[in-house]
Amino acid sequence: MKAEDIEDCRILLQQVKISTRQQAQILLDRYILPDAQQNNTETIARSLNILFGKQRQQSAKNDGAEL
């Protein structure tokens, strides 16, 4: 992902009040088909790491909280 794309994502995340990796994952799950997520796993993970850090990836999946 290009630096300008990351900055665009930061702005969009602020506008839709997404402040955690878990909230971002819920948004991905809601709007991106599972096959598309699977085909882009590395890009999605890299982007989430840039935007939110490498925090609690496994915990976020197991937490089950919703927006």
PDB file of N, CA and C in Angstrom:
ATOM      1  N   MET A   1       0.845  -1.163   0.000  1.00  0.00           N
ATOM      2  CA  MET A   1       0.000   0.000   0.000  1.00  0.00           C
ATOM      3  C   MET A   1       0.896   1.233   0.000  1.00  0.00           C
ATOM      4  N   LYS A   2       0.553   2.198  -0.821  1.00  0.00           N
ATOM      5  CA  LYS A   2       1.334   3.424  -0.919  1.00  0.00           C
ATOM      6  C   LYS A   2       1.097   4.318   0.294  1.00  0.00           C
ATOM      7  N   ALA A   3       2.069   5.161   0.578  1.00  0.00           N
ATOM      8  CA  ALA A   3       1.981   6.083   1.723  1.00  0.00           C
ATOM      9  C   ALA A   3       0.741   6.976   1.614  1.00  0.00           C
ATOM     10  N   GLU A   4       0.432   7.432   0.416  1.00  0.00           N
ATOM     11  CA  GLU A   4      -0.751   8.295   0.256  1.00  0.00           C
ATOM     12  C   GLU A   4      -2.044   7.519   0.521  1.00  0.00           C
ATOM     13  N   ASP A   5      -2.056   6.230   0.199  1.00  0.00           N
ATOM     14  CA  ASP A   5      -3.225   5.400   0.493  1.00  0.00           C
ATOM     15  C   ASP A   5      -3.410   5.233   2.001  1.00  0.00           C
ATOM     16  N   ILE A   6      -2.291   5.059   2.708  1.00  0.00           N
ATOM     17  CA  ILE A   6      -2.356   4.929   4.166  1.00  0.00           C
ATOM     18  C   ILE A   6      -2.906   6.212   4.771  1.00  0.00           C
ATOM     19  N   GLU A   7      -2.440   7.359   4.281  1.00  0.00           N
ATOM     20  CA  GLU A   7      -2.944   8.635   4.802  1.00  0.00           C
ATOM     21  C   GLU A   7      -4.434   8.799   4.510  1.00  0.00           C
ATOM     22  N   ASP A   8      -4.863   8.382   3.332  1.00  0.00           N
ATOM     23  CA  ASP A   8      -6.297   8.419   3.001  1.00  0.00           C
ATOM     24  C   ASP A   8      -7.081   7.530   3.962  1.00  0.00           C
ATOM     25  N   CYS A   9      -6.541   6.354   4.251  1.00  0.00           N
ATOM     26  CA  CYS A   9      -7.205   5.438   5.195  1.00  0.00           C
ATOM     27  C   CYS A   9      -7.296   6.059   6.585  1.00  0.00           C
ATOM     28  N   ARG A  10      -6.228   6.713   7.024  1.00  0.00           N
ATOM     29  CA  ARG A  10      -6.255   7.367   8.342  1.00  0.00           C
ATOM     30  C   ARG A  10      -7.374   8.412   8.414  1.00  0.00           C
ATOM     31  N   ILE A  11      -7.509   9.186   7.369  1.00  0.00           N
ATOM     32  CA  ILE A  11      -8.552  10.217   7.332  1.00  0.00           C
ATOM     33  C   ILE A  11      -9.939   9.570   7.348  1.00  0.00           C
ATOM     34  N   LEU A  12     -10.131   8.556   6.517  1.00  0.00           N
ATOM     35  CA  LEU A  12     -11.428   7.872   6.476  1.00  0.00           C
ATOM     36  C   LEU A  12     -11.763   7.208   7.807  1.00  0.00           C
ATOM     37  N   LEU A  13     -10.773   6.578   8.418  1.00  0.00           N
ATOM     38  CA  LEU A  13     -11.008   5.923   9.709  1.00  0.00           C
ATOM     39  C   LEU A  13     -11.442   6.941  10.760  1.00  0.00           C
ATOM     40  N   GLN A  14     -10.838   8.115  10.754  1.00  0.00           N
ATOM     41  CA  GLN A  14     -11.243   9.170  11.689  1.00  0.00           C
ATOM     42  C   GLN A  14     -12.674   9.604  11.421  1.00  0.00           C
ATOM     43  N   GLN A  15     -13.023   9.758  10.148  1.00  0.00           N
ATOM     44  CA  GLN A  15     -14.360  10.236   9.794  1.00  0.00           C
ATOM     45  C   GLN A  15     -15.452   9.254  10.189  1.00  0.00           C
ATOM     46  N   VAL A  16     -15.168   7.968  10.121  1.00  0.00           N
ATOM     47  CA  VAL A  16     -16.168   6.958  10.493  1.00  0.00           C
ATOM     48  C   VAL A  16     -15.972   6.466  11.923  1.00  0.00           C
ATOM     49  N   LYS A  17     -15.089   7.149  12.650  1.00  0.00           N
ATOM     50  CA  LYS A  17     -14.856   6.887  14.076  1.00  0.00           C
ATOM     51  C   LYS A  17     -14.388   5.456  14.361  1.00  0.00           C
ATOM     52  N   ILE A  18     -13.487   4.974  13.508  1.00  0.00           N
ATOM     53  CA  ILE A  18     -12.840   3.684  13.728  1.00  0.00           C
ATOM     54  C   ILE A  18     -11.497   3.987  14.383  1.00  0.00           C
ATOM     55  N   SER A  19     -11.320   3.529  15.620  1.00  0.00           N
ATOM     56  CA  SER A  19     -10.092   3.863  16.341  1.00  0.00           C
ATOM     57  C   SER A  19      -9.296   2.639  16.789  1.00  0.00           C
ATOM     58  N   THR A  20      -9.818   1.451  16.552  1.00  0.00           N
ATOM     59  CA  THR A  20      -9.089   0.244  16.945  1.00  0.00           C
ATOM     60  C   THR A  20      -9.005  -0.729  15.777  1.00  0.00           C
ATOM     61  N   ARG A  21      -8.027  -1.590  15.871  1.00  0.00           N
ATOM     62  CA  ARG A  21      -7.849  -2.641  14.865  1.00  0.00           C
ATOM     63  C   ARG A  21      -9.088  -3.541  14.820  1.00  0.00           C
ATOM     64  N   GLN A  22      -9.643  -3.815  15.972  1.00  0.00           N
ATOM     65  CA  GLN A  22     -10.821  -4.673  16.054  1.00  0.00           C
ATOM     66  C   GLN A  22     -11.998  -4.045  15.301  1.00  0.00           C
ATOM     67  N   GLN A  23     -12.213  -2.763  15.483  1.00  0.00           N
ATOM     68  CA  GLN A  23     -13.297  -2.085  14.766  1.00  0.00           C
ATOM     69  C   GLN A  23     -13.049  -2.125  13.261  1.00  0.00           C
ATOM     70  N   ALA A  24     -11.797  -1.950  12.853  1.00  0.00           N
ATOM     71  CA  ALA A  24     -11.454  -2.007  11.433  1.00  0.00           C
ATOM     72  C   ALA A  24     -11.723  -3.404  10.868  1.00  0.00           C
ATOM     73  N   GLN A  25     -11.396  -4.430  11.637  1.00  0.00           N
ATOM     74  CA  GLN A  25     -11.636  -5.803  11.180  1.00  0.00           C
ATOM     75  C   GLN A  25     -13.128  -6.074  11.035  1.00  0.00           C
ATOM     76  N   ILE A  26     -13.916  -5.571  11.955  1.00  0.00           N
ATOM     77  CA  ILE A  26     -15.376  -5.742  11.866  1.00  0.00           C
ATOM     78  C   ILE A  26     -15.896  -5.071  10.595  1.00  0.00           C
ATOM     79  N   LEU A  27     -15.356  -3.897  10.288  1.00  0.00           N
ATOM     80  CA  LEU A  27     -15.744  -3.188   9.069  1.00  0.00           C
ATOM     81  C   LEU A  27     -15.351  -3.999   7.829  1.00  0.00           C
ATOM     82  N   LEU A  28     -14.141  -4.544   7.836  1.00  0.00           N
ATOM     83  CA  LEU A  28     -13.712  -5.405   6.721  1.00  0.00           C
ATOM     84  C   LEU A  28     -14.638  -6.604   6.573  1.00  0.00           C
ATOM     85  N   ASP A  29     -14.960  -7.240   7.689  1.00  0.00           N
ATOM     86  CA  ASP A  29     -15.825  -8.418   7.647  1.00  0.00           C
ATOM     87  C   ASP A  29     -17.214  -8.084   7.122  1.00  0.00           C
ATOM     88  N   ARG A  30     -17.675  -6.882   7.403  1.00  0.00           N
ATOM     89  CA  ARG A  30     -19.004  -6.473   6.969  1.00  0.00           C
ATOM     90  C   ARG A  30     -19.052  -6.176   5.465  1.00  0.00           C
ATOM     91  N   TYR A  31     -17.984  -5.576   4.929  1.00  0.00           N
ATOM     92  CA  TYR A  31     -18.048  -5.076   3.559  1.00  0.00           C
ATOM     93  C   TYR A  31     -17.158  -5.783   2.540  1.00  0.00           C
ATOM     94  N   ILE A  32     -16.221  -6.597   2.997  1.00  0.00           N
ATOM     95  CA  ILE A  32     -15.316  -7.283   2.069  1.00  0.00           C
ATOM     96  C   ILE A  32     -15.579  -8.785   2.151  1.00  0.00           C
ATOM     97  N   LEU A  33     -15.867  -9.387   1.021  1.00  0.00           N
ATOM     98  CA  LEU A  33     -16.169 -10.821   0.978  1.00  0.00           C
ATOM     99  C   LEU A  33     -14.995 -11.636   1.516  1.00  0.00           C
ATOM    100  N   PRO A  34     -15.304 -12.758   2.165  1.00  0.00           N
ATOM    101  CA  PRO A  34     -14.244 -13.598   2.741  1.00  0.00           C
ATOM    102  C   PRO A  34     -13.185 -14.011   1.720  1.00  0.00           C
ATOM    103  N   ASP A  35     -13.593 -14.349   0.499  1.00  0.00           N
ATOM    104  CA  ASP A  35     -12.618 -14.733  -0.528  1.00  0.00           C
ATOM    105  C   ASP A  35     -11.659 -13.590  -0.836  1.00  0.00           C
ATOM    106  N   ALA A  36     -12.189 -12.387  -0.925  1.00  0.00           N
ATOM    107  CA  ALA A  36     -11.344 -11.223  -1.206  1.00  0.00           C
ATOM    108  C   ALA A  36     -10.384 -10.971  -0.044  1.00  0.00           C
ATOM    109  N   GLN A  37     -10.863 -11.142   1.190  1.00  0.00           N
ATOM    110  CA  GLN A  37      -9.978 -10.985   2.349  1.00  0.00           C
ATOM    111  C   GLN A  37      -8.878 -12.035   2.326  1.00  0.00           C
ATOM    112  N   GLN A  38      -9.243 -13.264   2.009  1.00  0.00           N
ATOM    113  CA  GLN A  38      -8.260 -14.344   1.978  1.00  0.00           C
ATOM    114  C   GLN A  38      -7.219 -14.112   0.886  1.00  0.00           C
ATOM    115  N   ASN A  39      -7.668 -13.645  -0.273  1.00  0.00           N
ATOM    116  CA  ASN A  39      -6.747 -13.397  -1.383  1.00  0.00           C
ATOM    117  C   ASN A  39      -5.804 -12.229  -1.107  1.00  0.00           C
ATOM    118  N   ASN A  40      -6.166 -11.371  -0.173  1.00  0.00           N
ATOM    119  CA  ASN A  40      -5.376 -10.179   0.134  1.00  0.00           C
ATOM    120  C   ASN A  40      -4.913 -10.149   1.587  1.00  0.00           C
ATOM    121  N   THR A  41      -4.769 -11.315   2.185  1.00  0.00           N
ATOM    122  CA  THR A  41      -4.435 -11.426   3.604  1.00  0.00           C
ATOM    123  C   THR A  41      -3.188 -10.633   3.977  1.00  0.00           C
ATOM    124  N   GLU A  42      -2.118 -10.788   3.220  1.00  0.00           N
ATOM    125  CA  GLU A  42      -0.859 -10.112   3.552  1.00  0.00           C
ATOM    126  C   GLU A  42      -0.986  -8.598   3.451  1.00  0.00           C
ATOM    127  N   THR A  43      -1.639  -8.115   2.413  1.00  0.00           N
ATOM    128  CA  THR A  43      -1.811  -6.674   2.233  1.00  0.00           C
ATOM    129  C   THR A  43      -2.674  -6.097   3.337  1.00  0.00           C
ATOM    130  N   ILE A  44      -3.754  -6.793   3.682  1.00  0.00           N
ATOM    131  CA  ILE A  44      -4.642  -6.326   4.750  1.00  0.00           C
ATOM    132  C   ILE A  44      -3.888  -6.306   6.078  1.00  0.00           C
ATOM    133  N   ALA A  45      -3.173  -7.369   6.386  1.00  0.00           N
ATOM    134  CA  ALA A  45      -2.427  -7.451   7.648  1.00  0.00           C
ATOM    135  C   ALA A  45      -1.370  -6.351   7.719  1.00  0.00           C
ATOM    136  N   ARG A  46      -0.644  -6.147   6.639  1.00  0.00           N
ATOM    137  CA  ARG A  46       0.391  -5.110   6.596  1.00  0.00           C
ATOM    138  C   ARG A  46      -0.234  -3.731   6.802  1.00  0.00           C
ATOM    139  N   SER A  47      -1.353  -3.490   6.157  1.00  0.00           N
ATOM    140  CA  SER A  47      -2.024  -2.192   6.279  1.00  0.00           C
ATOM    141  C   SER A  47      -2.539  -1.965   7.694  1.00  0.00           C
ATOM    142  N   LEU A  48      -3.150  -2.985   8.284  1.00  0.00           N
ATOM    143  CA  LEU A  48      -3.639  -2.862   9.661  1.00  0.00           C
ATOM    144  C   LEU A  48      -2.474  -2.660  10.630  1.00  0.00           C
ATOM    145  N   ASN A  49      -1.343  -3.317  10.371  1.00  0.00           N
ATOM    146  CA  ASN A  49      -0.170  -3.121  11.221  1.00  0.00           C
ATOM    147  C   ASN A  49       0.329  -1.684  11.152  1.00  0.00           C
ATOM    148  N   ILE A  50       0.318  -1.108   9.969  1.00  0.00           N
ATOM    149  CA  ILE A  50       0.749   0.281   9.812  1.00  0.00           C
ATOM    150  C   ILE A  50      -0.220   1.219  10.518  1.00  0.00           C
ATOM    151  N   LEU A  51      -1.512   0.977  10.334  1.00  0.00           N
ATOM    152  CA  LEU A  51      -2.530   1.879  10.884  1.00  0.00           C
ATOM    153  C   LEU A  51      -2.714   1.738  12.387  1.00  0.00           C
ATOM    154  N   PHE A  52      -2.581   0.527  12.907  1.00  0.00           N
ATOM    155  CA  PHE A  52      -2.907   0.281  14.312  1.00  0.00           C
ATOM    156  C   PHE A  52      -1.770  -0.355  15.111  1.00  0.00           C
ATOM    157  N   GLY A  53      -0.668  -0.691  14.474  1.00  0.00           N
ATOM    158  CA  GLY A  53       0.409  -1.389  15.168  1.00  0.00           C
ATOM    159  C   GLY A  53       0.130  -2.880  15.201  1.00  0.00           C
ATOM    160  N   LYS A  54       1.100  -3.624  15.662  1.00  0.00           N
ATOM    161  CA  LYS A  54       0.974  -5.086  15.687  1.00  0.00           C
ATOM    162  C   LYS A  54       0.346  -5.546  16.992  1.00  0.00           C
ATOM    163  N   GLN A  55      -0.634  -4.825  17.457  1.00  0.00           N
ATOM    164  CA  GLN A  55      -1.262  -5.094  18.750  1.00  0.00           C
ATOM    165  C   GLN A  55      -2.281  -6.212  18.681  1.00  0.00           C
ATOM    166  N   ARG A  56      -2.265  -7.065  19.612  1.00  0.00           N
ATOM    167  CA  ARG A  56      -3.304  -8.013  19.935  1.00  0.00           C
ATOM    168  C   ARG A  56      -4.077  -8.572  18.743  1.00  0.00           C
ATOM    169  N   GLN A  57      -3.427  -8.961  17.695  1.00  0.00           N
ATOM    170  CA  GLN A  57      -4.133  -9.488  16.524  1.00  0.00           C
ATOM    171  C   GLN A  57      -5.008 -10.674  16.899  1.00  0.00           C
ATOM    172  N   GLN A  58      -4.471 -11.605  17.651  1.00  0.00           N
ATOM    173  CA  GLN A  58      -5.225 -12.798  18.012  1.00  0.00           C
ATOM    174  C   GLN A  58      -6.349 -12.453  18.969  1.00  0.00           C
ATOM    175  N   SER A  59      -6.102 -11.579  19.945  1.00  0.00           N
ATOM    176  CA  SER A  59      -7.135 -11.200  20.910  1.00  0.00           C
ATOM    177  C   SER A  59      -8.306 -10.529  20.219  1.00  0.00           C
ATOM    178  N   ALA A  60      -8.022  -9.692  19.244  1.00  0.00           N
ATOM    179  CA  ALA A  60      -9.087  -8.986  18.544  1.00  0.00           C
ATOM    180  C   ALA A  60     -10.007  -9.965  17.827  1.00  0.00           C
ATOM    181  N   LYS A  61      -9.453 -11.023  17.276  1.00  0.00           N
ATOM    182  CA  LYS A  61     -10.271 -12.013  16.583  1.00  0.00           C
ATOM    183  C   LYS A  61     -11.152 -12.767  17.558  1.00  0.00           C
ATOM    184  N   ASN A  62     -10.652 -13.013  18.733  1.00  0.00           N
ATOM    185  CA  ASN A  62     -11.377 -13.820  19.713  1.00  0.00           C
ATOM    186  C   ASN A  62     -12.319 -13.021  20.589  1.00  0.00           C
ATOM    187  N   ASP A  63     -12.214 -11.705  20.562  1.00  0.00           N
ATOM    188  CA  ASP A  63     -12.993 -10.855  21.456  1.00  0.00           C
ATOM    189  C   ASP A  63     -14.474 -10.878  21.103  1.00  0.00           C
ATOM    190  N   GLY A  64     -14.811 -10.794  19.820  1.00  0.00           N
ATOM    191  CA  GLY A  64     -16.198 -10.891  19.379  1.00  0.00           C
ATOM    192  C   GLY A  64     -17.018  -9.632  19.562  1.00  0.00           C
ATOM    193  N   ALA A  65     -16.419  -8.523  19.941  1.00  0.00           N
ATOM    194  CA  ALA A  65     -17.174  -7.279  20.105  1.00  0.00           C
ATOM    195  C   ALA A  65     -17.591  -6.754  18.737  1.00  0.00           C
ATOM    196  N   GLU A  66     -18.692  -6.022  18.715  1.00  0.00           N
ATOM    197  CA  GLU A  66     -19.183  -5.459  17.469  1.00  0.00           C
ATOM    198  C   GLU A  66     -19.272  -3.955  17.582  1.00  0.00           C
ATOM    199  N   LEU A  67     -19.362  -3.304  16.412  1.00  0.00           N
ATOM    200  CA  LEU A  67     -19.508  -1.848  16.353  1.00  0.00           C
ATOM    201  C   LEU A  67     -20.839  -1.410  16.912  1.00  0.00           C
TER     202      LEU A  67
END
